Amino acid sequence: TIFKDTIFTNVAATNDGGVFWEGLEKEISDDVEITDWRGNKWTRDSKTPAAHPNSRFCSPATQCPIIDPAWEDPTGVPIDAIIFGGRRPEGVPLIYQARNWQHGVFIGASMKSEATAAAEHK
């Protein structure tokens, strides 16, 4: 999905044309050179993070290989699950299931996400 027509913001760049952020250390070889989000040379021993804490990417849904063929059908597509992602307050379970659709709507309407680095003006 992300290999073309994707916008990355505040991530580090690799000399082989890729992107990098903290947590991907095992995904790249040691000989790859990394430039941090500020344009400075970065190594695993650097004292500053390679990517901004509020790094993001955006990619067209049409590029998703597993999207439902009827995803733009005006009558909709069957929904078996709704998955929310984001930072959650401490003590909130990572996964839980609604008892029924009404309960699911209530859960979705009452969800709160933790503030990101951008919201905290960092």
PDB file of N, CA and C in Angstrom:
ATOM      1  N   THR A   1       0.814  -1.202   0.000  1.00  0.00           N
ATOM      2  CA  THR A   1       0.000   0.000   0.000  1.00  0.00           C
ATOM      3  C   THR A   1       0.856   1.264   0.000  1.00  0.00           C
ATOM      4  N   ILE A   2       1.971   1.251   0.687  1.00  0.00           N
ATOM      5  CA  ILE A   2       2.743   2.491   0.881  1.00  0.00           C
ATOM      6  C   ILE A   2       3.922   2.665  -0.060  1.00  0.00           C
ATOM      7  N   PHE A   3       4.108   1.777  -1.032  1.00  0.00           N
ATOM      8  CA  PHE A   3       5.309   1.851  -1.858  1.00  0.00           C
ATOM      9  C   PHE A   3       5.234   2.873  -2.985  1.00  0.00           C
ATOM     10  N   LYS A   4       4.083   3.493  -3.211  1.00  0.00           N
ATOM     11  CA  LYS A   4       3.994   4.569  -4.201  1.00  0.00           C
ATOM     12  C   LYS A   4       2.896   5.534  -3.773  1.00  0.00           C
ATOM     13  N   ASP A   5       2.979   6.749  -4.281  1.00  0.00           N
ATOM     14  CA  ASP A   5       1.958   7.769  -4.028  1.00  0.00           C
ATOM     15  C   ASP A   5       1.624   7.924  -2.546  1.00  0.00           C
ATOM     16  N   THR A   6       2.626   7.855  -1.698  1.00  0.00           N
ATOM     17  CA  THR A   6       2.423   7.984  -0.260  1.00  0.00           C
ATOM     18  C   THR A   6       3.200   9.191   0.241  1.00  0.00           C
ATOM     19  N   ILE A   7       2.579   9.946   1.118  1.00  0.00           N
ATOM     20  CA  ILE A   7       3.219  11.114   1.718  1.00  0.00           C
ATOM     21  C   ILE A   7       3.656  10.745   3.130  1.00  0.00           C
ATOM     22  N   PHE A   8       4.934  10.926   3.412  1.00  0.00           N
ATOM     23  CA  PHE A   8       5.482  10.725   4.750  1.00  0.00           C
ATOM     24  C   PHE A   8       5.866  12.091   5.295  1.00  0.00           C
ATOM     25  N   THR A   9       5.557  12.358   6.556  1.00  0.00           N
ATOM     26  CA  THR A   9       5.954  13.626   7.172  1.00  0.00           C
ATOM     27  C   THR A   9       6.735  13.357   8.451  1.00  0.00           C
ATOM     28  N   ASN A  10       7.782  14.133   8.642  1.00  0.00           N
ATOM     29  CA  ASN A  10       8.591  14.102   9.860  1.00  0.00           C
ATOM     30  C   ASN A  10       9.240  12.756  10.148  1.00  0.00           C
ATOM     31  N   VAL A  11       9.527  11.974   9.106  1.00  0.00           N
ATOM     32  CA  VAL A  11      10.231  10.705   9.272  1.00  0.00           C
ATOM     33  C   VAL A  11      11.684  10.883   8.852  1.00  0.00           C
ATOM     34  N   ALA A  12      12.515   9.926   9.193  1.00  0.00           N
ATOM     35  CA  ALA A  12      13.901   9.929   8.722  1.00  0.00           C
ATOM     36  C   ALA A  12      13.943   9.305   7.337  1.00  0.00           C
ATOM     37  N   ALA A  13      14.970   9.671   6.571  1.00  0.00           N
ATOM     38  CA  ALA A  13      15.144   9.131   5.216  1.00  0.00           C
ATOM     39  C   ALA A  13      16.380   8.241   5.182  1.00  0.00           C
ATOM     40  N   THR A  14      16.305   7.178   4.391  1.00  0.00           N
ATOM     41  CA  THR A  14      17.456   6.288   4.238  1.00  0.00           C
ATOM     42  C   THR A  14      18.097   6.522   2.878  1.00  0.00           C
ATOM     43  N   ASN A  15      19.385   6.219   2.767  1.00  0.00           N
ATOM     44  CA  ASN A  15      20.096   6.477   1.515  1.00  0.00           C
ATOM     45  C   ASN A  15      19.676   5.529   0.392  1.00  0.00           C
ATOM     46  N   ASP A  16      18.881   4.518   0.702  1.00  0.00           N
ATOM     47  CA  ASP A  16      18.382   3.621  -0.346  1.00  0.00           C
ATOM     48  C   ASP A  16      16.965   3.992  -0.791  1.00  0.00           C
ATOM     49  N   GLY A  17      16.521   5.195  -0.401  1.00  0.00           N
ATOM     50  CA  GLY A  17      15.216   5.687  -0.833  1.00  0.00           C
ATOM     51  C   GLY A  17      14.066   5.333   0.086  1.00  0.00           C
ATOM     52  N   GLY A  18      14.357   4.763   1.231  1.00  0.00           N
ATOM     53  CA  GLY A  18      13.308   4.371   2.168  1.00  0.00           C
ATOM     54  C   GLY A  18      13.086   5.398   3.256  1.00  0.00           C
ATOM     55  N   VAL A  19      12.219   5.048   4.185  1.00  0.00           N
ATOM     56  CA  VAL A  19      11.934   5.891   5.342  1.00  0.00           C
ATOM     57  C   VAL A  19      12.221   5.085   6.602  1.00  0.00           C
ATOM     58  N   PHE A  20      12.404   5.806   7.702  1.00  0.00           N
ATOM     59  CA  PHE A  20      12.750   5.157   8.964  1.00  0.00           C
ATOM     60  C   PHE A  20      12.160   5.945  10.110  1.00  0.00           C
ATOM     61  N   TRP A  21      11.728   5.220  11.134  1.00  0.00           N
ATOM     62  CA  TRP A  21      11.374   5.817  12.409  1.00  0.00           C
ATOM     63  C   TRP A  21      11.689   4.801  13.495  1.00  0.00           C
ATOM     64  N   GLU A  22      11.719   5.261  14.735  1.00  0.00           N
ATOM     65  CA  GLU A  22      12.078   4.400  15.855  1.00  0.00           C
ATOM     66  C   GLU A  22      11.158   3.176  15.887  1.00  0.00           C
ATOM     67  N   GLY A  23      11.763   2.031  16.126  1.00  0.00           N
ATOM     68  CA  GLY A  23      11.030   0.776  16.128  1.00  0.00           C
ATOM     69  C   GLY A  23      11.305  -0.064  14.891  1.00  0.00           C
ATOM     70  N   LEU A  24      11.935   0.537  13.882  1.00  0.00           N
ATOM     71  CA  LEU A  24      12.246  -0.189  12.647  1.00  0.00           C
ATOM     72  C   LEU A  24      13.707  -0.636  12.586  1.00  0.00           C
ATOM     73  N   GLU A  25      14.408  -0.570  13.697  1.00  0.00           N
ATOM     74  CA  GLU A  25      15.836  -0.885  13.705  1.00  0.00           C
ATOM     75  C   GLU A  25      16.139  -2.263  13.116  1.00  0.00           C
ATOM     76  N   LYS A  26      15.306  -3.243  13.376  1.00  0.00           N
ATOM     77  CA  LYS A  26      15.552  -4.601  12.872  1.00  0.00           C
ATOM     78  C   LYS A  26      15.218  -4.744  11.391  1.00  0.00           C
ATOM     79  N   GLU A  27      14.551  -3.749  10.820  1.00  0.00           N
ATOM     80  CA  GLU A  27      14.103  -3.823   9.427  1.00  0.00           C
ATOM     81  C   GLU A  27      15.147  -3.334   8.423  1.00  0.00           C
ATOM     82  N   ILE A  28      16.182  -2.660   8.905  1.00  0.00           N
ATOM     83  CA  ILE A  28      17.198  -2.135   7.982  1.00  0.00           C
ATOM     84  C   ILE A  28      18.578  -2.640   8.389  1.00  0.00           C
ATOM     85  N   SER A  29      19.451  -2.754   7.414  1.00  0.00           N
ATOM     86  CA  SER A  29      20.804  -3.241   7.701  1.00  0.00           C
ATOM     87  C   SER A  29      21.664  -2.111   8.262  1.00  0.00           C
ATOM     88  N   ASP A  30      22.741  -2.492   8.914  1.00  0.00           N
ATOM     89  CA  ASP A  30      23.624  -1.518   9.560  1.00  0.00           C
ATOM     90  C   ASP A  30      24.339  -0.600   8.579  1.00  0.00           C
ATOM     91  N   ASP A  31      24.456  -1.003   7.319  1.00  0.00           N
ATOM     92  CA  ASP A  31      25.176  -0.175   6.349  1.00  0.00           C
ATOM     93  C   ASP A  31      24.301   0.905   5.712  1.00  0.00           C
ATOM     94  N   VAL A  32      23.022   0.937   6.027  1.00  0.00           N
ATOM     95  CA  VAL A  32      22.130   1.971   5.486  1.00  0.00           C
ATOM     96  C   VAL A  32      22.363   3.276   6.242  1.00  0.00           C
ATOM     97  N   GLU A  33      22.565   4.359   5.497  1.00  0.00           N
ATOM     98  CA  GLU A  33      22.754   5.677   6.103  1.00  0.00           C
ATOM     99  C   GLU A  33      21.394   6.331   6.305  1.00  0.00           C
ATOM    100  N   ILE A  34      21.234   6.978   7.451  1.00  0.00           N
ATOM    101  CA  ILE A  34      19.950   7.580   7.811  1.00  0.00           C
ATOM    102  C   ILE A  34      20.129   9.070   8.040  1.00  0.00           C
ATOM    103  N   THR A  35      19.206   9.850   7.492  1.00  0.00           N
ATOM    104  CA  THR A  35      19.137  11.289   7.727  1.00  0.00           C
ATOM    105  C   THR A  35      17.888  11.544   8.557  1.00  0.00           C
ATOM    106  N   ASP A  36      18.046  12.197   9.707  1.00  0.00           N
ATOM    107  CA  ASP A  36      16.890  12.394  10.580  1.00  0.00           C
ATOM    108  C   ASP A  36      15.902  13.403   9.996  1.00  0.00           C
ATOM    109  N   TRP A  37      14.792  13.582  10.674  1.00  0.00           N
ATOM    110  CA  TRP A  37      13.716  14.434  10.172  1.00  0.00           C
ATOM    111  C   TRP A  37      14.119  15.899  10.079  1.00  0.00           C
ATOM    112  N   ARG A  38      15.229  16.274  10.712  1.00  0.00           N
ATOM    113  CA  ARG A  38      15.729  17.651  10.633  1.00  0.00           C
ATOM    114  C   ARG A  38      16.808  17.822   9.571  1.00  0.00           C
ATOM    115  N   GLY A  39      17.163  16.718   8.890  1.00  0.00           N
ATOM    116  CA  GLY A  39      18.175  16.788   7.839  1.00  0.00           C
ATOM    117  C   GLY A  39      19.589  16.487   8.295  1.00  0.00           C
ATOM    118  N   ASN A  40      19.749  16.010   9.527  1.00  0.00           N
ATOM    119  CA  ASN A  40      21.068  15.693  10.066  1.00  0.00           C
ATOM    120  C   ASN A  40      21.368  14.200   9.938  1.00  0.00           C
ATOM    121  N   LYS A  41      22.664  13.874   9.782  1.00  0.00           N
ATOM    122  CA  LYS A  41      23.063  12.471   9.758  1.00  0.00           C
ATOM    123  C   LYS A  41      22.679  11.847  11.102  1.00  0.00           C
ATOM    124  N   TRP A  42      22.151  10.618  11.057  1.00  0.00           N
ATOM    125  CA  TRP A  42      21.681   9.948  12.266  1.00  0.00           C
ATOM    126  C   TRP A  42      22.222   8.527  12.317  1.00  0.00           C
ATOM    127  N   THR A  43      22.612   8.091  13.510  1.00  0.00           N
ATOM    128  CA  THR A  43      23.026   6.699  13.723  1.00  0.00           C
ATOM    129  C   THR A  43      22.261   6.154  14.921  1.00  0.00           C
ATOM    130  N   ARG A  44      22.353   4.866  15.114  1.00  0.00           N
ATOM    131  CA  ARG A  44      21.672   4.244  16.258  1.00  0.00           C
ATOM    132  C   ARG A  44      22.210   4.772  17.594  1.00  0.00           C
ATOM    133  N   ASP A  45      23.411   5.348  17.575  1.00  0.00           N
ATOM    134  CA  ASP A  45      24.007   5.907  18.789  1.00  0.00           C
ATOM    135  C   ASP A  45      23.659   7.378  18.999  1.00  0.00           C
ATOM    136  N   SER A  46      22.918   7.976  18.081  1.00  0.00           N
ATOM    137  CA  SER A  46      22.553   9.394  18.206  1.00  0.00           C
ATOM    138  C   SER A  46      21.727   9.619  19.466  1.00  0.00           C
ATOM    139  N   LYS A  47      21.876  10.799  20.029  1.00  0.00           N
ATOM    140  CA  LYS A  47      21.156  11.152  21.264  1.00  0.00           C
ATOM    141  C   LYS A  47      19.739  11.656  20.997  1.00  0.00           C
ATOM    142  N   THR A  48      19.442  11.988  19.751  1.00  0.00           N
ATOM    143  CA  THR A  48      18.118  12.491  19.396  1.00  0.00           C
ATOM    144  C   THR A  48      17.389  11.451  18.546  1.00  0.00           C
ATOM    145  N   PRO A  49      16.058  11.477  18.545  1.00  0.00           N
ATOM    146  CA  PRO A  49      15.319  10.518  17.718  1.00  0.00           C
ATOM    147  C   PRO A  49      15.477  10.809  16.229  1.00  0.00           C
ATOM    148  N   ALA A  50      15.405   9.768  15.421  1.00  0.00           N
ATOM    149  CA  ALA A  50      15.510   9.931  13.967  1.00  0.00           C
ATOM    150  C   ALA A  50      14.266  10.601  13.409  1.00  0.00           C
ATOM    151  N   ALA A  51      13.115  10.257  13.950  1.00  0.00           N
ATOM    152  CA  ALA A  51      11.842  10.790  13.461  1.00  0.00           C
ATOM    153  C   ALA A  51      11.162  11.602  14.559  1.00  0.00           C
ATOM    154  N   HIS A  52      10.366  12.558  14.152  1.00  0.00           N
ATOM    155  CA  HIS A  52       9.581  13.340  15.102  1.00  0.00           C
ATOM    156  C   HIS A  52       8.547  12.424  15.750  1.00  0.00           C
ATOM    157  N   PRO A  53       8.203  12.640  17.020  1.00  0.00           N
ATOM    158  CA  PRO A  53       7.209  11.782  17.673  1.00  0.00           C
ATOM    159  C   PRO A  53       5.838  11.804  16.989  1.00  0.00           C
ATOM    160  N   ASN A  54       5.585  12.830  16.194  1.00  0.00           N
ATOM    161  CA  ASN A  54       4.292  12.930  15.518  1.00  0.00           C
ATOM    162  C   ASN A  54       4.419  12.607  14.022  1.00  0.00           C
ATOM    163  N   SER A  55       5.330  11.719  13.671  1.00  0.00           N
ATOM    164  CA  SER A  55       5.485  11.305  12.269  1.00  0.00           C
ATOM    165  C   SER A  55       4.191  10.681  11.770  1.00  0.00           C
ATOM    166  N   ARG A  56       3.919  10.873  10.485  1.00  0.00           N
ATOM    167  CA  ARG A  56       2.690  10.336   9.894  1.00  0.00           C
ATOM    168  C   ARG A  56       2.952   9.909   8.464  1.00  0.00           C
ATOM    169  N   PHE A  57       1.995   9.131   7.923  1.00  0.00           N
ATOM    170  CA  PHE A  57       1.996   8.842   6.496  1.00  0.00           C
ATOM    171  C   PHE A  57       0.562   8.771   6.019  1.00  0.00           C
ATOM    172  N   CYS A  58       0.378   9.043   4.744  1.00  0.00           N
ATOM    173  CA  CYS A  58      -0.948   9.022   4.135  1.00  0.00           C
ATOM    174  C   CYS A  58      -0.819   8.371   2.766  1.00  0.00           C
ATOM    175  N   SER A  59      -1.681   7.410   2.494  1.00  0.00           N
ATOM    176  CA  SER A  59      -1.624   6.662   1.244  1.00  0.00           C
ATOM    177  C   SER A  59      -3.046   6.461   0.728  1.00  0.00           C
ATOM    178  N   PRO A  60      -3.256   6.489  -0.588  1.00  0.00           N
ATOM    179  CA  PRO A  60      -4.610   6.309  -1.129  1.00  0.00           C
ATOM    180  C   PRO A  60      -5.189   4.933  -0.793  1.00  0.00           C
ATOM    181  N   ALA A  61      -6.445   4.901  -0.404  1.00  0.00           N
ATOM    182  CA  ALA A  61      -7.111   3.632  -0.095  1.00  0.00           C
ATOM    183  C   ALA A  61      -7.120   2.700  -1.298  1.00  0.00           C
ATOM    184  N   THR A  62      -7.144   3.261  -2.496  1.00  0.00           N
ATOM    185  CA  THR A  62      -7.182   2.429  -3.708  1.00  0.00           C
ATOM    186  C   THR A  62      -5.955   1.539  -3.838  1.00  0.00           C
ATOM    187  N   GLN A  63      -4.882   1.862  -3.127  1.00  0.00           N
ATOM    188  CA  GLN A  63      -3.663   1.064  -3.195  1.00  0.00           C
ATOM    189  C   GLN A  63      -3.652  -0.107  -2.224  1.00  0.00           C
ATOM    190  N   CYS A  64      -4.645  -0.210  -1.377  1.00  0.00           N
ATOM    191  CA  CYS A  64      -4.689  -1.290  -0.391  1.00  0.00           C
ATOM    192  C   CYS A  64      -5.088  -2.594  -1.084  1.00  0.00           C
ATOM    193  N   PRO A  65      -4.225  -3.602  -1.062  1.00  0.00           N
ATOM    194  CA  PRO A  65      -4.501  -4.829  -1.804  1.00  0.00           C
ATOM    195  C   PRO A  65      -5.654  -5.661  -1.248  1.00  0.00           C
ATOM    196  N   ILE A  66      -6.075  -5.407  -0.019  1.00  0.00           N
ATOM    197  CA  ILE A  66      -7.143  -6.220   0.559  1.00  0.00           C
ATOM    198  C   ILE A  66      -8.445  -5.447   0.760  1.00  0.00           C
ATOM    199  N   ILE A  67      -8.555  -4.270   0.144  1.00  0.00           N
ATOM    200  CA  ILE A  67      -9.785  -3.491   0.287  1.00  0.00           C
ATOM    201  C   ILE A  67     -10.936  -4.216  -0.409  1.00  0.00           C
ATOM    202  N   ASP A  68     -12.116  -4.119   0.140  1.00  0.00           N
ATOM    203  CA  ASP A  68     -13.281  -4.786  -0.445  1.00  0.00           C
ATOM    204  C   ASP A  68     -13.554  -4.225  -1.837  1.00  0.00           C
ATOM    205  N   PRO A  69     -13.832  -5.076  -2.822  1.00  0.00           N
ATOM    206  CA  PRO A  69     -14.097  -4.595  -4.184  1.00  0.00           C
ATOM    207  C   PRO A  69     -15.266  -3.607  -4.254  1.00  0.00           C
ATOM    208  N   ALA A  70     -16.166  -3.684  -3.299  1.00  0.00           N
ATOM    209  CA  ALA A  70     -17.336  -2.797  -3.301  1.00  0.00           C
ATOM    210  C   ALA A  70     -17.165  -1.631  -2.327  1.00  0.00           C
ATOM    211  N   TRP A  71     -15.920  -1.267  -2.026  1.00  0.00           N
ATOM    212  CA  TRP A  71     -15.700  -0.251  -0.999  1.00  0.00           C
ATOM    213  C   TRP A  71     -16.309   1.104  -1.318  1.00  0.00           C
ATOM    214  N   GLU A  72     -16.549   1.408  -2.591  1.00  0.00           N
ATOM    215  CA  GLU A  72     -17.191   2.676  -2.952  1.00  0.00           C
ATOM    216  C   GLU A  72     -18.665   2.498  -3.319  1.00  0.00           C
ATOM    217  N   ASP A  73     -19.213   1.326  -3.118  1.00  0.00           N
ATOM    218  CA  ASP A  73     -20.621   1.063  -3.417  1.00  0.00           C
ATOM    219  C   ASP A  73     -21.498   1.943  -2.521  1.00  0.00           C
ATOM    220  N   PRO A  74     -22.420   2.723  -3.109  1.00  0.00           N
ATOM    221  CA  PRO A  74     -23.253   3.615  -2.293  1.00  0.00           C
ATOM    222  C   PRO A  74     -24.134   2.877  -1.289  1.00  0.00           C
ATOM    223  N   THR A  75     -24.387   1.586  -1.512  1.00  0.00           N
ATOM    224  CA  THR A  75     -25.194   0.829  -0.542  1.00  0.00           C
ATOM    225  C   THR A  75     -24.338   0.262   0.580  1.00  0.00           C
ATOM    226  N   GLY A  76     -23.035   0.438   0.477  1.00  0.00           N
ATOM    227  CA  GLY A  76     -22.137   0.014   1.542  1.00  0.00           C
ATOM    228  C   GLY A  76     -21.629  -1.400   1.384  1.00  0.00           C
ATOM    229  N   VAL A  77     -20.850  -1.829   2.346  1.00  0.00           N
ATOM    230  CA  VAL A  77     -20.297  -3.182   2.391  1.00  0.00           C
ATOM    231  C   VAL A  77     -20.613  -3.776   3.762  1.00  0.00           C
ATOM    232  N   PRO A  78     -20.673  -5.095   3.844  1.00  0.00           N
ATOM    233  CA  PRO A  78     -20.923  -5.712   5.160  1.00  0.00           C
ATOM    234  C   PRO A  78     -19.803  -5.356   6.146  1.00  0.00           C
ATOM    235  N   ILE A  79     -20.180  -5.089   7.369  1.00  0.00           N
ATOM    236  CA  ILE A  79     -19.205  -4.762   8.408  1.00  0.00           C
ATOM    237  C   ILE A  79     -19.285  -5.822   9.499  1.00  0.00           C
ATOM    238  N   ASP A  80     -18.170  -6.466   9.748  1.00  0.00           N
ATOM    239  CA  ASP A  80     -18.091  -7.448  10.826  1.00  0.00           C
ATOM    240  C   ASP A  80     -17.367  -6.891  12.045  1.00  0.00           C
ATOM    241  N   ALA A  81     -16.546  -5.877  11.826  1.00  0.00           N
ATOM    242  CA  ALA A  81     -15.776  -5.321  12.934  1.00  0.00           C
ATOM    243  C   ALA A  81     -15.363  -3.900  12.596  1.00  0.00           C
ATOM    244  N   ILE A  82     -15.218  -3.101  13.615  1.00  0.00           N
ATOM    245  CA  ILE A  82     -14.661  -1.760  13.483  1.00  0.00           C
ATOM    246  C   ILE A  82     -13.459  -1.714  14.414  1.00  0.00           C
ATOM    247  N   ILE A  83     -12.320  -1.352  13.861  1.00  0.00           N
ATOM    248  CA  ILE A  83     -11.093  -1.324  14.646  1.00  0.00           C
ATOM    249  C   ILE A  83     -10.627   0.120  14.758  1.00  0.00           C
ATOM    250  N   PHE A  84     -10.464   0.584  15.972  1.00  0.00           N
ATOM    251  CA  PHE A  84      -9.951   1.922  16.224  1.00  0.00           C
ATOM    252  C   PHE A  84      -8.490   1.797  16.616  1.00  0.00           C
ATOM    253  N   GLY A  85      -7.671   2.684  16.107  1.00  0.00           N
ATOM    254  CA  GLY A  85      -6.264   2.682  16.484  1.00  0.00           C
ATOM    255  C   GLY A  85      -5.882   4.032  17.044  1.00  0.00           C
ATOM    256  N   GLY A  86      -4.946   4.038  17.913  1.00  0.00           N
ATOM    257  CA  GLY A  86      -4.475   5.291  18.477  1.00  0.00           C
ATOM    258  C   GLY A  86      -3.927   5.071  19.870  1.00  0.00           C
ATOM    259  N   ARG A  87      -3.488   6.137  20.454  1.00  0.00           N
ATOM    260  CA  ARG A  87      -2.985   6.049  21.822  1.00  0.00           C
ATOM    261  C   ARG A  87      -4.177   5.971  22.756  1.00  0.00           C
ATOM    262  N   ARG A  88      -4.082   5.117  23.741  1.00  0.00           N
ATOM    263  CA  ARG A  88      -5.198   4.968  24.665  1.00  0.00           C
ATOM    264  C   ARG A  88      -4.754   5.342  26.073  1.00  0.00           C
ATOM    265  N   PRO A  89      -5.697   5.818  26.874  1.00  0.00           N
ATOM    266  CA  PRO A  89      -5.353   6.156  28.256  1.00  0.00           C
ATOM    267  C   PRO A  89      -4.911   4.907  29.019  1.00  0.00           C
ATOM    268  N   GLU A  90      -4.078   5.096  30.011  1.00  0.00           N
ATOM    269  CA  GLU A  90      -3.622   3.971  30.825  1.00  0.00           C
ATOM    270  C   GLU A  90      -4.823   3.287  31.470  1.00  0.00           C
ATOM    271  N   GLY A  91      -4.806   1.979  31.478  1.00  0.00           N
ATOM    272  CA  GLY A  91      -5.901   1.224  32.085  1.00  0.00           C
ATOM    273  C   GLY A  91      -6.985   0.806  31.115  1.00  0.00           C
ATOM    274  N   VAL A  92      -6.982   1.345  29.906  1.00  0.00           N
ATOM    275  CA  VAL A  92      -7.974   0.956  28.900  1.00  0.00           C
ATOM    276  C   VAL A  92      -7.443  -0.271  28.170  1.00  0.00           C
ATOM    277  N   PRO A  93      -8.246  -1.342  28.085  1.00  0.00           N
ATOM    278  CA  PRO A  93      -7.759  -2.557  27.412  1.00  0.00           C
ATOM    279  C   PRO A  93      -7.403  -2.299  25.951  1.00  0.00           C
ATOM    280  N   LEU A  94      -6.410  -3.031  25.461  1.00  0.00           N
ATOM    281  CA  LEU A  94      -6.001  -2.909  24.070  1.00  0.00           C
ATOM    282  C   LEU A  94      -7.122  -3.369  23.142  1.00  0.00           C
ATOM    283  N   ILE A  95      -7.795  -4.458  23.492  1.00  0.00           N
ATOM    284  CA  ILE A  95      -8.874  -5.001  22.666  1.00  0.00           C
ATOM    285  C   ILE A  95     -10.057  -5.356  23.556  1.00  0.00           C
ATOM    286  N   TYR A  96     -11.249  -4.965  23.140  1.00  0.00           N
ATOM    287  CA  TYR A  96     -12.452  -5.474  23.782  1.00  0.00           C
ATOM    288  C   TYR A  96     -13.591  -5.451  22.781  1.00  0.00           C
ATOM    289  N   GLN A  97     -14.605  -6.244  23.060  1.00  0.00           N
ATOM    290  CA  GLN A  97     -15.686  -6.470  22.103  1.00  0.00           C
ATOM    291  C   GLN A  97     -17.002  -5.936  22.654  1.00  0.00           C
ATOM    292  N   ALA A  98     -17.752  -5.261  21.801  1.00  0.00           N
ATOM    293  CA  ALA A  98     -19.076  -4.776  22.188  1.00  0.00           C
ATOM    294  C   ALA A  98     -20.056  -5.952  22.238  1.00  0.00           C
ATOM    295  N   ARG A  99     -21.081  -5.815  23.074  1.00  0.00           N
ATOM    296  CA  ARG A  99     -22.091  -6.879  23.202  1.00  0.00           C
ATOM    297  C   ARG A  99     -23.038  -6.922  22.012  1.00  0.00           C
ATOM    298  N   ASN A 100     -23.268  -5.750  21.400  1.00  0.00           N
ATOM    299  CA  ASN A 100     -24.170  -5.658  20.246  1.00  0.00           C
ATOM    300  C   ASN A 100     -23.880  -4.333  19.538  1.00  0.00           C
ATOM    301  N   TRP A 101     -24.612  -4.054  18.445  1.00  0.00           N
ATOM    302  CA  TRP A 101     -24.351  -2.833  17.673  1.00  0.00           C
ATOM    303  C   TRP A 101     -24.612  -1.569  18.485  1.00  0.00           C
ATOM    304  N   GLN A 102     -25.679  -1.561  19.280  1.00  0.00           N
ATOM    305  CA  GLN A 102     -25.970  -0.377  20.088  1.00  0.00           C
ATOM    306  C   GLN A 102     -24.831  -0.110  21.082  1.00  0.00           C
ATOM    307  N   HIS A 103     -24.369  -1.170  21.724  1.00  0.00           N
ATOM    308  CA  HIS A 103     -23.255  -1.030  22.652  1.00  0.00           C
ATOM    309  C   HIS A 103     -21.996  -0.570  21.910  1.00  0.00           C
ATOM    310  N   GLY A 104     -21.792  -1.085  20.695  1.00  0.00           N
ATOM    311  CA  GLY A 104     -20.650  -0.682  19.880  1.00  0.00           C
ATOM    312  C   GLY A 104     -20.681   0.796  19.530  1.00  0.00           C
ATOM    313  N   VAL A 105     -21.861   1.305  19.185  1.00  0.00           N
ATOM    314  CA  VAL A 105     -22.003   2.734  18.888  1.00  0.00           C
ATOM    315  C   VAL A 105     -21.687   3.554  20.136  1.00  0.00           C
ATOM    316  N   PHE A 106     -22.167   3.109  21.278  1.00  0.00           N
ATOM    317  CA  PHE A 106     -21.877   3.802  22.531  1.00  0.00           C
ATOM    318  C   PHE A 106     -20.374   3.822  22.806  1.00  0.00           C
ATOM    319  N   ILE A 107     -19.731   2.673  22.653  1.00  0.00           N
ATOM    320  CA  ILE A 107     -18.285   2.599  22.891  1.00  0.00           C
ATOM    321  C   ILE A 107     -17.545   3.547  21.946  1.00  0.00           C
ATOM    322  N   GLY A 108     -17.890   3.502  20.660  1.00  0.00           N
ATOM    323  CA  GLY A 108     -17.231   4.365  19.682  1.00  0.00           C
ATOM    324  C   GLY A 108     -17.433   5.839  19.979  1.00  0.00           C
ATOM    325  N   ALA A 109     -18.643   6.199  20.407  1.00  0.00           N
ATOM    326  CA  ALA A 109     -18.945   7.604  20.690  1.00  0.00           C
ATOM    327  C   ALA A 109     -18.238   8.102  21.947  1.00  0.00           C
ATOM    328  N   SER A 110     -17.898   7.192  22.839  1.00  0.00           N
ATOM    329  CA  SER A 110     -17.288   7.617  24.100  1.00  0.00           C
ATOM    330  C   SER A 110     -15.776   7.399  24.147  1.00  0.00           C
ATOM    331  N   MET A 111     -15.195   7.022  23.015  1.00  0.00           N
ATOM    332  CA  MET A 111     -13.746   6.777  22.999  1.00  0.00           C
ATOM    333  C   MET A 111     -12.960   8.074  23.124  1.00  0.00           C
ATOM    334  N   LYS A 112     -11.813   7.963  23.732  1.00  0.00           N
ATOM    335  CA  LYS A 112     -10.900   9.093  23.874  1.00  0.00           C
ATOM    336  C   LYS A 112      -9.514   8.609  23.491  1.00  0.00           C
ATOM    337  N   SER A 113      -8.804   9.421  22.761  1.00  0.00           N
ATOM    338  CA  SER A 113      -7.431   9.094  22.401  1.00  0.00           C
ATOM    339  C   SER A 113      -6.498  10.012  23.173  1.00  0.00           C
ATOM    340  N   GLU A 114      -5.379   9.472  23.569  1.00  0.00           N
ATOM    341  CA  GLU A 114      -4.380  10.287  24.245  1.00  0.00           C
ATOM    342  C   GLU A 114      -3.841  11.338  23.280  1.00  0.00           C
ATOM    343  N   ALA A 115      -3.431  12.457  23.816  1.00  0.00           N
ATOM    344  CA  ALA A 115      -2.882  13.535  22.993  1.00  0.00           C
ATOM    345  C   ALA A 115      -1.589  13.086  22.323  1.00  0.00           C
ATOM    346  N   THR A 116      -1.389  13.532  21.097  1.00  0.00           N
ATOM    347  CA  THR A 116      -0.149  13.241  20.378  1.00  0.00           C
ATOM    348  C   THR A 116       0.850  14.367  20.627  1.00  0.00           C
ATOM    349  N   ALA A 117       2.036  14.182  20.101  1.00  0.00           N
ATOM    350  CA  ALA A 117       3.069  15.214  20.243  1.00  0.00           C
ATOM    351  C   ALA A 117       2.608  16.539  19.644  1.00  0.00           C
ATOM    352  N   ALA A 118       1.844  16.484  18.553  1.00  0.00           N
ATOM    353  CA  ALA A 118       1.366  17.719  17.921  1.00  0.00           C
ATOM    354  C   ALA A 118       0.378  18.439  18.834  1.00  0.00           C
ATOM    355  N   ALA A 119      -0.523  17.691  19.449  1.00  0.00           N
ATOM    356  CA  ALA A 119      -1.513  18.305  20.333  1.00  0.00           C
ATOM    357  C   ALA A 119      -0.861  18.863  21.587  1.00  0.00           C
ATOM    358  N   GLU A 120       0.250  18.282  21.962  1.00  0.00           N
ATOM    359  CA  GLU A 120       0.972  18.755  23.140  1.00  0.00           C
ATOM    360  C   GLU A 120       1.985  19.843  22.785  1.00  0.00           C
ATOM    361  N   HIS A 121       1.990  20.271  21.512  1.00  0.00           N
ATOM    362  CA  HIS A 121       2.876  21.333  21.007  1.00  0.00           C
ATOM    363  C   HIS A 121       4.352  21.012  21.236  1.00  0.00           C
ATOM    364  N   LYS A 122       4.729  19.748  20.950  1.00  0.00           N
ATOM    365  CA  LYS A 122       6.133  19.333  21.118  1.00  0.00           C
ATOM    366  C   LYS A 122       6.792  19.213  19.774  1.00  0.00           C
TER     367      LYS A 122
END
